C-alpha atoms as a PDB file:
ATOM      1  CA  MET A   1      -8.447   8.880  16.260  1.00  0.00           C
ATOM      2  CA  ASP A   2     -10.372   5.678  17.110  1.00  0.00           C
ATOM      3  CA  GLU A   3      -8.950   3.279  19.677  1.00  0.00           C
ATOM      4  CA  GLY A   4      -9.635   0.373  17.284  1.00  0.00           C
ATOM      5  CA  CYS A   5      -7.259   1.781  14.682  1.00  0.00           C
ATOM      6  CA  ALA A   6      -3.558   1.012  15.134  1.00  0.00           C
ATOM      7  CA  GLY A   7      -2.170   2.809  12.061  1.00  0.00           C
ATOM      8  CA  ALA A   8       0.865   1.097  10.536  1.00  0.00           C
ATOM      9  CA  GLU A   9       0.274  -2.046  12.607  1.00  0.00           C
ATOM     10  CA  ASP A  10      -3.044  -2.588  10.779  1.00  0.00           C
ATOM     11  CA  ILE A  11      -1.472  -2.491   7.309  1.00  0.00           C
ATOM     12  CA  GLU A  12      -0.237  -5.783   5.823  1.00  0.00           C
ATOM     13  CA  ILE A  13       1.725  -6.114   2.587  1.00  0.00           C
ATOM     14  CA  TYR A  14       1.567  -9.390   0.665  1.00  0.00           C
ATOM     15  CA  GLN A  15       3.712 -10.096  -2.388  1.00  0.00           C
ATOM     16  CA  GLY A  16       3.628 -12.981  -4.801  1.00  0.00           C
ATOM     17  CA  GLU A  17       4.868 -13.873  -8.248  1.00  0.00           C
ATOM     18  CA  ALA A  18       2.838 -12.786 -11.265  1.00  0.00           C
ATOM     19  CA  SER A  19       3.199 -13.795 -14.906  1.00  0.00           C
ATOM     20  CA  PRO A  20       6.564 -12.620 -16.232  1.00  0.00           C
ATOM     21  CA  LEU A  21       6.705 -10.012 -18.975  1.00  0.00           C
ATOM     22  CA  PRO A  22       7.062 -11.304 -22.566  1.00  0.00           C
ATOM     23  CA  SER A  23      10.735 -10.286 -22.332  1.00  0.00           C
ATOM     24  CA  GLY A  24      11.140 -12.719 -19.429  1.00  0.00           C
ATOM     25  CA  VAL A  25      11.491 -10.077 -16.704  1.00  0.00           C
ATOM     26  CA  PRO A  26       9.885 -11.410 -13.502  1.00  0.00           C
ATOM     27  CA  ALA A  27       6.703  -9.703 -12.306  1.00  0.00           C
ATOM     28  CA  TYR A  28       5.236  -9.462  -8.834  1.00  0.00           C
ATOM     29  CA  LYS A  29       1.726  -8.781  -7.516  1.00  0.00           C
ATOM     30  CA  VAL A  30       1.410  -6.697  -4.364  1.00  0.00           C
ATOM     31  CA  ASP A  31      -1.693  -6.541  -2.175  1.00  0.00           C
ATOM     32  CA  VAL A  32      -1.787  -3.989   0.628  1.00  0.00           C
ATOM     33  CA  VAL A  33      -4.582  -4.663   3.107  1.00  0.00           C
ATOM     34  CA  ASN A  34      -6.021  -2.562   5.909  1.00  0.00           C
ATOM     35  CA  ARG A  35      -6.723  -5.330   8.414  1.00  0.00           C
ATOM     36  CA  CYS A  36      -8.430  -3.060  10.943  1.00  0.00           C
ATOM     37  CA  LEU A  37     -12.024  -4.108  11.470  1.00  0.00           C
ATOM     38  CA  GLY A  38     -13.786  -1.462  13.526  1.00  0.00           C
ATOM     39  CA  GLY A  39     -17.370  -1.394  14.671  1.00  0.00           C
ATOM     40  CA  ASP A  40     -18.873   0.336  11.625  1.00  0.00           C
ATOM     41  CA  LEU A  41     -19.869  -1.598   8.525  1.00  0.00           C
ATOM     42  CA  ASP A  42     -18.298   0.706   5.925  1.00  0.00           C
ATOM     43  CA  GLY A  43     -14.745   0.508   7.301  1.00  0.00           C
ATOM     44  CA  GLY A  44     -14.587   4.262   7.938  1.00  0.00           C
ATOM     45  CA  GLU A  45     -13.831   3.793  11.625  1.00  0.00           C
ATOM     46  CA  CYS A  46     -10.514   2.236  10.591  1.00  0.00           C
ATOM     47  CA  ALA A  47      -9.500   4.604   7.796  1.00  0.00           C
ATOM     48  CA  ILE A  48      -5.707   4.818   7.492  1.00  0.00           C
ATOM     49  CA  ALA A  49      -4.026   7.435   5.292  1.00  0.00           C
ATOM     50  CA  GLY A  50      -0.572   8.744   4.515  1.00  0.00           C
ATOM     51  CA  ILE A  51       0.707   5.188   4.113  1.00  0.00           C
ATOM     52  CA  HIS A  52       4.442   5.328   3.400  1.00  0.00           C
ATOM     53  CA  VAL A  53       6.302   2.144   2.513  1.00  0.00           C
ATOM     54  CA  ARG A  54       9.987   1.279   2.833  1.00  0.00           C
ATOM     55  CA  CYS A  55      10.860   0.398  -0.753  1.00  0.00           C
ATOM     56  CA  GLY A  56      14.573   0.952  -1.393  1.00  0.00           C
ATOM     57  CA  TRP A  57      15.167   2.417  -4.867  1.00  0.00           C
ATOM     58  CA  PHE A  58      11.872   0.978  -6.163  1.00  0.00           C
ATOM     59  CA  SER A  59      11.491   0.935  -9.925  1.00  0.00           C
ATOM     60  CA  SER A  60       9.554  -1.183 -12.370  1.00  0.00           C
ATOM     61  CA  VAL A  61      10.060  -2.169 -15.997  1.00  0.00           C
ATOM     62  CA  SER A  62       6.263  -1.982 -16.416  1.00  0.00           C
ATOM     63  CA  LEU A  63       4.265   1.111 -15.458  1.00  0.00           C
ATOM     64  CA  VAL A  64       2.779   1.163 -11.965  1.00  0.00           C
ATOM     65  CA  ASP A  65      -0.175   3.548 -11.603  1.00  0.00           C
ATOM     66  CA  PRO A  66       1.393   6.387  -9.566  1.00  0.00           C
ATOM     67  CA  ARG A  67      -1.957   6.993  -7.843  1.00  0.00           C
ATOM     68  CA  LYS A  68      -1.629   3.508  -6.355  1.00  0.00           C
ATOM     69  CA  PHE A  69       2.114   3.408  -5.606  1.00  0.00           C
ATOM     70  CA  ARG A  70       5.022   5.734  -6.320  1.00  0.00           C
ATOM     71  CA  ARG A  71       8.522   6.336  -5.050  1.00  0.00           C
ATOM     72  CA  LEU A  72       9.052   9.746  -3.454  1.00  0.00           C
ATOM     73  CA  GLY A  73      12.695   9.168  -2.554  1.00  0.00           C
ATOM     74  CA  HIS A  74      15.053   6.456  -1.396  1.00  0.00           C
ATOM     75  CA  ASP A  75      13.172   3.973   0.799  1.00  0.00           C
ATOM     76  CA  ASP A  76       9.998   6.103   0.738  1.00  0.00           C
ATOM     77  CA  CYS A  77       7.045   5.119  -1.449  1.00  0.00           C
ATOM     78  CA  LEU A  78       3.520   6.513  -1.121  1.00  0.00           C
ATOM     79  CA  LEU A  79       0.476   4.254  -1.331  1.00  0.00           C
ATOM     80  CA  ASN A  80      -2.949   5.272  -2.683  1.00  0.00           C
ATOM     81  CA  ASP A  81      -1.839   8.865  -3.339  1.00  0.00           C
ATOM     82  CA  GLY A  82      -1.854   9.367   0.442  1.00  0.00           C
ATOM     83  CA  ARG A  83      -5.636   8.920   0.557  1.00  0.00           C
ATOM     84  CA  PRO A  84      -7.367   6.756   3.187  1.00  0.00           C
ATOM     85  CA  LEU A  85      -7.575   3.004   2.864  1.00  0.00           C
ATOM     86  CA  LEU A  86     -10.729   1.965   4.722  1.00  0.00           C
ATOM     87  CA  GLY A  87     -10.927  -0.987   7.097  1.00  0.00           C
ATOM     88  CA  GLY A  88     -11.005  -4.256   5.148  1.00  0.00           C
ATOM     89  CA  GLU A  89      -9.969  -2.548   1.905  1.00  0.00           C
ATOM     90  CA  THR A  90      -7.163  -3.794  -0.329  1.00  0.00           C
ATOM     91  CA  ILE A  91      -5.177  -1.910  -2.941  1.00  0.00           C
ATOM     92  CA  SER A  92      -3.249  -3.987  -5.477  1.00  0.00           C
ATOM     93  CA  PHE A  93      -0.639  -3.367  -8.142  1.00  0.00           C
ATOM     94  CA  GLU A  94       1.942  -5.275 -10.150  1.00  0.00           C
ATOM     95  CA  TYR A  95       5.541  -4.406 -10.904  1.00  0.00           C
ATOM     96  CA  ALA A  96       8.292  -6.025 -12.944  1.00  0.00           C
ATOM     97  CA  ASN A  97      11.960  -6.138 -12.044  1.00  0.00           C
ATOM     98  CA  SER A  98      14.785  -8.655 -12.000  1.00  0.00           C
ATOM     99  CA  PHE A  99      14.263  -9.025  -8.229  1.00  0.00           C
ATOM    100  CA  LYS A 100      11.502  -8.659  -5.657  1.00  0.00           C
ATOM    101  CA  TYR A 101      11.642  -5.563  -3.449  1.00  0.00           C
ATOM    102  CA  ASP A 102      11.391  -5.936   0.305  1.00  0.00           C
ATOM    103  CA  LEU A 103       8.354  -3.747   1.038  1.00  0.00           C
ATOM    104  CA  SER A 104       7.261  -2.844   4.571  1.00  0.00           C
ATOM    105  CA  VAL A 105       5.126  -0.120   6.126  1.00  0.00           C
ATOM    106  CA  ARG A 106       7.155   2.829   7.381  1.00  0.00           C
ATOM    107  CA  VAL A 107       4.364   5.077   8.649  1.00  0.00           C
ATOM    108  CA  ALA A 108       0.561   5.245   8.426  1.00  0.00           C
ATOM    109  CA  THR A 109      -1.956   7.405  10.269  1.00  0.00           C
ATOM    110  CA  CYS A 110      -5.500   6.742  11.454  1.00  0.00           C
ATOM    111  CA  VAL A 111      -7.808   9.432  10.064  1.00  0.00           C
ATOM    112  CA  ASP A 112     -11.422  10.505   9.872  1.00  0.00           C
ATOM    113  CA  PRO A 113     -12.381   9.561   6.280  1.00  0.00           C
ATOM    114  CA  THR A 114     -14.971  12.348   6.135  1.00  0.00           C
ATOM    115  CA  SER A 115     -12.364  15.080   6.566  1.00  0.00           C
ATOM    116  CA  SER A 116     -10.669  16.376   3.441  1.00  0.00           C
ATOM    117  CA  PRO A 117      -6.868  16.065   3.081  1.00  0.00           C
END
């Protein structure tokens, strides 16, 4: 699409500790950022969709909004329901588990945000 968009290379995943559940199960906050900053002001020039994340057998004690993040299969989770994440945009969610998952971008595609999926 646009030469300023690098797909998966533009997506960064940050994880940190969140407040544990009342039961004591550790919780983690995840921020996924589209770091592409193209020439347009609305971030559309750097829209990245179909963001799949390596996530092992991801599961959470607390509900994660499946429109934000859901496991499709082993080591394959879908971010933002497959919809575009514009340049500079962040999508965040929290999950709870006895351990932190190692999350990394598997695949992501630069798209025209005005085209329908």
